[in-house]
Structures are given as structure tokens and as C-alpha cells.
Protein backbone atom coordinates (compact mmCIF):
# COMPACT_ATOMS: atom_id res chain seq x y z
CA MET A 1 7.79 5.82 -5.76
CA THR A 2 6.82 7.51 -9.21
CA ASN A 3 5.33 6.08 -11.92
CA ARG A 4 9.11 5.11 -13.87
CA ALA A 5 9.57 3.29 -11.00
CA TRP A 6 6.63 1.50 -10.40
CA ASP A 7 6.78 0.28 -13.95
CA GLU A 8 10.48 -0.40 -14.18
CA LEU A 9 9.99 -2.74 -10.71
CA ILE A 10 6.67 -4.73 -12.60
CA ASP A 11 9.34 -4.87 -15.71
CA LEU A 12 11.30 -6.63 -14.50
CA ILE A 13 9.99 -8.79 -12.17
CA ASP A 14 7.52 -9.99 -15.24
CA GLU A 15 10.92 -10.58 -16.53
CA LYS A 16 12.06 -12.66 -14.25
CA TYR A 17 9.89 -14.10 -12.14
CA GLN A 18 6.69 -13.76 -14.46
CA ILE A 19 3.70 -11.97 -12.66
CA ASP A 20 0.45 -14.04 -12.17
CA ASN A 21 -2.00 -11.36 -11.21
CA SER A 22 -2.14 -7.66 -11.32
CA ASN A 23 -5.03 -5.20 -10.08
CA ARG A 24 -5.46 -1.77 -9.84
CA LYS A 25 -8.39 -0.12 -7.80
CA THR A 26 -9.73 3.53 -6.35
CA GLU A 27 -11.43 3.56 -3.20
CA PRO A 28 -12.64 6.17 -1.17
CA LEU A 29 -10.80 7.12 2.33
CA GLU A 30 -12.42 5.60 5.62
CA ASP A 31 -12.60 8.95 7.51
CA ASN A 32 -13.33 11.17 4.67
CA LYS A 33 -15.31 9.81 1.74
CA ASP A 34 -14.72 12.78 -0.89
CA LEU A 35 -11.02 11.31 -1.28
CA THR A 36 -10.00 8.64 -2.76
CA ARG A 37 -6.80 6.50 -3.10
CA THR A 38 -5.59 4.04 -6.05
CA VAL A 39 -4.12 0.47 -5.10
CA GLU A 40 -2.01 -1.13 -7.90
CA SER A 41 -1.14 -4.56 -6.33
CA ILE A 42 1.00 -7.42 -8.43
CA GLU A 43 1.59 -11.03 -7.26
CA PHE A 44 4.12 -13.57 -8.45
CA GLU A 45 5.81 -16.74 -7.10
CA LYS A 46 9.86 -16.79 -6.05
CA ASP A 47 11.49 -20.40 -4.61
CA ASN A 48 7.66 -21.34 -4.86
CA VAL A 49 6.06 -18.22 -2.26
CA LYS A 50 3.89 -16.15 -3.27
CA TYR A 51 4.31 -12.65 -3.16
CA LYS A 52 2.06 -9.47 -3.30
CA ILE A 53 3.44 -5.95 -3.48
CA GLU A 54 0.90 -2.63 -3.08
CA ARG A 55 1.46 0.90 -4.44
CA ILE A 56 -1.16 3.09 -2.27
CA ALA A 57 -1.45 6.59 -3.82
CA GLY A 58 -3.46 9.01 -2.08
CA PRO A 59 -4.00 12.80 -0.30
CA VAL A 60 -1.55 13.86 1.82
CA ILE A 61 -2.07 13.98 5.21
CA ILE A 62 -1.12 17.51 6.42
CA ASP A 63 -1.69 17.69 10.03
CA LYS A 64 -3.84 15.00 12.48
CA LYS A 65 -6.06 16.28 15.35
CA THR A 66 -6.42 14.06 18.58
CA PHE A 67 -9.83 14.29 20.59
CA TYR A 68 -9.41 13.40 24.17
CA HIS A 69 -11.70 11.91 26.30
CA GLN A 70 -12.61 13.25 30.13
CA THR A 71 -9.81 11.12 31.43
CA GLY A 72 -6.97 11.59 29.62
CA SER A 73 -6.91 9.09 26.76
CA ALA A 74 -7.20 9.65 23.15
CA ASN A 75 -10.57 9.17 21.90
CA ARG A 76 -10.37 9.39 17.91
CA VAL A 77 -7.90 10.82 15.88
CA GLN A 78 -9.33 12.61 12.54
CA TYR A 79 -6.56 13.14 9.52
CA VAL A 80 -6.39 16.47 7.50
CA TYR A 81 -5.64 15.93 3.70
CA ASP A 82 -4.28 18.39 1.08
CA PRO A 83 -6.47 17.29 -2.49
CA GLU A 84 -4.26 18.61 -4.78
CA GLU A 85 -0.97 17.16 -3.63
CA THR A 86 0.10 12.90 -3.19
CA SER A 87 1.71 10.58 -1.91
CA THR A 88 2.77 6.90 -2.22
CA LYS A 89 3.71 3.92 -0.70
CA VAL A 90 4.67 0.54 -1.55
CA VAL A 91 3.88 -2.29 0.87
CA PHE A 92 5.74 -5.83 0.21
CA TYR A 93 3.35 -8.97 1.41
CA ARG A 94 4.64 -13.06 1.53
CA GLY A 95 2.01 -15.52 0.98
CA GLN A 96 0.92 -17.44 3.84
CA PRO A 97 -0.34 -20.84 3.64
CA ASP A 98 -3.45 -20.47 4.88
CA GLY A 99 -3.83 -18.14 2.52
CA TYR A 100 -3.12 -14.83 4.19
CA TRP A 101 -0.60 -11.93 3.74
CA ASN A 102 2.29 -11.11 5.99
CA GLU A 103 3.69 -7.68 5.76
CA ILE A 104 7.60 -8.22 5.18
CA GLN A 105 10.40 -5.21 4.44
CA ALA A 106 11.66 -5.25 0.81
CA GLU A 107 15.02 -6.71 2.04
CA ASP A 108 13.56 -9.94 2.89
CA LEU A 109 12.31 -10.60 -1.26
CA LEU A 110 16.29 -10.76 -1.67
CA SER A 111 17.06 -13.88 0.55
């Protein structure tokens, strides 16, 4: 999702439902501390149900190396990243009464 599309989505949700919380953080990748990813999130309420949308932007994965154990099962996976090119992913969540978030499809917001 481009920056413009993300901004338009935020504006649309803010007009229709009002954003309760927004956050932006930069964190190192778990398997490569030299590279970082940015996580932007918004929370809002629709029909008395809390929703959260996250936009995750980070380096593109260009290769995946799988290391196998002697028994033939995968022991670990190592990703190779392109530090210049970035990709974005948008993830949608529905809030649960116990405070946890369950991932949902974007279409589930329309119902």
C-alpha cells in the first residue's frame, strides 16, 4: 500500500468512525539487527467492536536459505534482504473481549 493510499484510508476511517489510537514505531528485524522495519497502526471502533489496522514497511526479502538437519528436517531458515528496496503489508485485526487481537480479512470490515 502506497503512502497516499494509507493516508486516504486513515482519513476515511477517521471521518466515518473516529480513530481512537494511532502509533508509529521503528524496530530492528528479528533475524538482522542492522535493518529496521516501520509499523504504523490505527485503532477504531465500529458497531461496538474494536479494530486495528497495521501497515508494516520493511526491506524486501530477495532470498530464503533453508538449513537442514542430518535427519532431513528443516533446522532453521535465513532470509536475505535488499536494504534499498522496501515492501509494505497491511494487516487487519478484530479486538476480542479478553484484550487480544485476531487477524481478519479486509472484507470482514465491510460486514
